Amino acid sequence: MTWSIVISDGEHRAALASVRSLGRAGHQVHVCSPRRRSLAGASRYCASETQVADPLREPDRFADDLQRLCAAVGADVLIPISEPSLLAVLPHRGRFSCTIPFPDLDQFTAICDKELVLRSAEAAKIAVPKQRVITTIDEAGTAAGMSFPVVLKPARSVAGSASNRMKVGVLYALDDAQLQETLHELPPAAYPILLQERITGPGFAISLLVWDGEVRAAFAHRRLREKPPSGGVSVLRDSIPLDLDLLKRSVALVDAFDWRGVAMVEFKLDERTNVPYLMEINARLWGSLQLAIDAGVDFPLLLVEAAMGVRSEPVLAYDVGVRTRWELGDVDHLIAIMRHSPAALKLPANHPGRLATLGGFLRSFVSADRHEVLRPGDPRPFLREIRDWLARR
């Protein structure tokens, strides 16, 4: 059976991976984006590309644009890719005649609340970093006595009201003076802020598709290089075996939110103790999605099939050791290491230096790493990405 599917946020790599997955499966995939020409819209598997309002700045107008697009193409399924898009669409889901394979707004906002997720981890027997919650700028002084370095993590990645949303990233402080300065520079909407001990070690994640109380798919990967280098989106990553005990605990954690859909449970493995510490839950399709698909877990297709009532066997086995590289993200990683000192980048003491980073970057050209965006049978997204990348230089 062929379905009509709308994918938002075509500028995101998760959108490109989804378009390629669903298009190869024979479905008609339509892409929209605030940009006139987007990454996913350049794919040969994209049936149409439409410019819509920015979900972060104009959420109501974005929802209107998306509703019109879904009606025009006779969409069976709508997959919002980004958190701002989900926050804009879910309050209006009753206006859409197509399936949106995510829970209600209250469930989505709850699982995106990092403070609530970390508090819920105790019942699932998952370790969390030591932390202190700063609810307003007036409490900034109570951070005295923290062990440094510390991580400043907003409780929500997308903060503020519907009429004034903003993205807020993770910051670091090496001493109390730097901490106080950073706290006072943050906008009021960024609060509450989680002050956490910094866990040093490799990042990894367990990705899930849970539907009607059943695990339909599970996958694990490890981050090898990130952008920014101090911690962010992965630019080089590989598939690793599932830790069945941690999988069980991760499922229990998302079940606490009565979750139905995709979710990536993110961890850091403490290099001193080998204890996995929970970082957050990413309750949408994630940036490194192409790796899971390459390894044999096609989350976009499985999500659509679940939403459309197709019953399939759970996918819990996949190829281990598959490596996928985001080409231009890896270039940005290299540039950052070459241009800035470890202190300026807030890097841990054991982070590879410039020569080791350059060597690892060059080895990727002769290794078996798979390219994430540049695919021989679908080269236009990479050409569009490199044009946009050069325009920002």
Foldseek 3Di string as FASTA:
>chain_A
DEFEEEEEALQALLSLLLLVLNLVVPYAYAYEYCDPDHLNQQWPSHNYYYHFHDLQACLQRRLVVVQVVCVVRVGQEYAYFDPSNCLSHQVPVVSHPHFYQWDHPVLVVQQQQFVNLQVLLVVLVAAAFDKDKDAFLVCLVVCPPDDDWKKKAQRHQWWDDSNHIDGDGIDIDGDSVRSNVVSVPDDGRSDGIIIGHDADAWKKKKKFAAAPRDTQEIWIKTADAAVQRQDDHGQKIWTAADPVSVVSSVSVSSVVSVTHGMKIFMWGQRPVPRRTHTDHIDRGRDRVQNNCVVFPNSRSVVSVCSSVPNDDHRHYDTHGGAMEGALVRLVVNLVPQVPDDCVVSVHDPPDDHNVVSVVVSVVVVVDPYHYSSDDPVTHRSVVVVVVVVVVVD
